[in-house]
Amino acid sequence: MELQNPFTAHPATVSETYTEHLRFASATGLWMILGGLACILHGLFPFTCTTVGSRMIRRLYDRLSTGQRTPVMERVRANAPVAERA
């Protein structure tokens, strides 16, 4: 039984390197935090950030499903190994 590196095992399942996965996940998490803060601000002051929450949800959905990860997901669908990237 071969042990896998826990830092690269999951990123490899989405055909990313550790660094690519770190950048994508960190940026996505930052947008989630900012959207959450805007929603809290809107809850306290209903006249502020009236569309930020819904816009952020759409942006995150696009980012995770069809947006900036599309080239990565195309490689996954084609079963192209990480090492074969241009």
Protein backbone atom coordinates (compact mmCIF):
# COMPACT_ATOMS: atom_id res chain seq x y z
CA MET A 1 0.00 0.00 0.00
CA GLU A 2 1.46 3.31 -1.09
CA LEU A 3 1.09 6.36 1.16
CA GLN A 4 -0.01 9.52 -0.57
CA ASN A 5 1.16 13.00 0.31
CA PRO A 6 -1.84 14.66 2.00
CA PHE A 7 -0.83 18.04 0.56
CA THR A 8 -0.98 16.86 -3.05
CA ALA A 9 -3.49 13.98 -3.04
CA HIS A 10 -6.68 16.08 -3.20
CA PRO A 11 -5.32 18.78 -5.55
CA ALA A 12 -4.33 15.98 -7.94
CA THR A 13 -7.97 14.79 -8.04
CA VAL A 14 -8.91 18.11 -9.64
CA SER A 15 -5.81 18.13 -11.81
CA GLU A 16 -4.12 20.97 -9.93
CA THR A 17 -0.79 21.36 -8.23
CA TYR A 18 -0.70 22.18 -4.52
CA THR A 19 0.07 25.84 -5.30
CA GLU A 20 -2.74 26.17 -7.86
CA HIS A 21 -5.20 24.62 -5.42
CA LEU A 22 -4.00 26.85 -2.58
CA ARG A 23 -4.45 29.99 -4.67
CA PHE A 24 -7.90 28.99 -5.94
CA ALA A 25 -9.21 27.85 -2.53
CA SER A 26 -7.77 30.87 -0.72
CA ALA A 27 -9.25 33.36 -3.16
CA THR A 28 -12.62 31.59 -3.03
CA GLY A 29 -12.55 31.62 0.78
CA LEU A 30 -11.69 35.31 0.83
CA TRP A 31 -14.70 36.11 -1.38
CA MET A 32 -16.89 34.03 0.96
CA ILE A 33 -15.66 35.98 3.98
CA LEU A 34 -16.19 39.34 2.27
CA GLY A 35 -19.70 38.31 1.19
CA GLY A 36 -20.49 37.18 4.73
CA LEU A 37 -19.28 40.45 6.20
CA ALA A 38 -21.42 42.36 3.71
CA CYS A 39 -24.46 40.28 4.73
CA ILE A 40 -23.82 41.00 8.41
CA LEU A 41 -23.47 44.71 7.64
CA HIS A 42 -26.74 44.56 5.67
CA GLY A 43 -28.45 42.84 8.62
CA LEU A 44 -27.37 45.62 10.96
CA PHE A 45 -28.01 48.44 8.48
CA PRO A 46 -30.62 47.25 5.93
CA PHE A 47 -29.97 50.23 3.66
CA THR A 48 -26.37 49.07 2.99
CA CYS A 49 -25.09 46.28 0.76
CA THR A 50 -28.57 45.52 -0.55
CA THR A 51 -27.38 43.35 -3.47
CA VAL A 52 -23.91 42.27 -2.39
CA GLY A 53 -24.98 38.92 -0.91
CA SER A 54 -26.86 37.72 -3.97
CA ARG A 55 -24.15 39.00 -6.32
CA MET A 56 -21.49 37.20 -4.29
CA ILE A 57 -23.43 33.93 -4.36
CA ARG A 58 -23.73 34.17 -8.17
CA ARG A 59 -20.04 35.03 -8.49
CA LEU A 60 -18.97 32.12 -6.30
CA TYR A 61 -21.29 29.74 -8.15
CA ASP A 62 -19.79 30.81 -11.48
CA ARG A 63 -16.28 30.53 -10.09
CA LEU A 64 -16.83 27.03 -8.72
CA SER A 65 -18.95 25.56 -11.51
CA THR A 66 -18.22 27.20 -14.83
CA GLY A 67 -16.09 30.28 -14.32
CA GLN A 68 -12.40 30.46 -13.60
CA ARG A 69 -12.02 26.75 -12.99
CA THR A 70 -13.27 25.76 -16.48
CA PRO A 71 -9.78 25.06 -17.92
CA VAL A 72 -8.97 22.92 -14.88
CA MET A 73 -12.23 21.02 -15.10
CA GLU A 74 -11.72 20.43 -18.84
CA ARG A 75 -8.39 18.76 -18.01
CA VAL A 76 -10.11 16.64 -15.37
CA ARG A 77 -12.82 15.54 -17.80
CA ALA A 78 -10.15 14.67 -20.36
CA ASN A 79 -8.23 12.75 -17.66
CA ALA A 80 -5.08 14.67 -18.49
CA PRO A 81 -2.44 14.20 -15.78
CA VAL A 82 -1.07 17.30 -14.04
CA ALA A 83 2.37 16.68 -15.59
CA GLU A 84 0.98 17.07 -19.13
CA ARG A 85 -0.03 20.71 -18.69
CA ALA A 86 1.34 23.33 -21.02
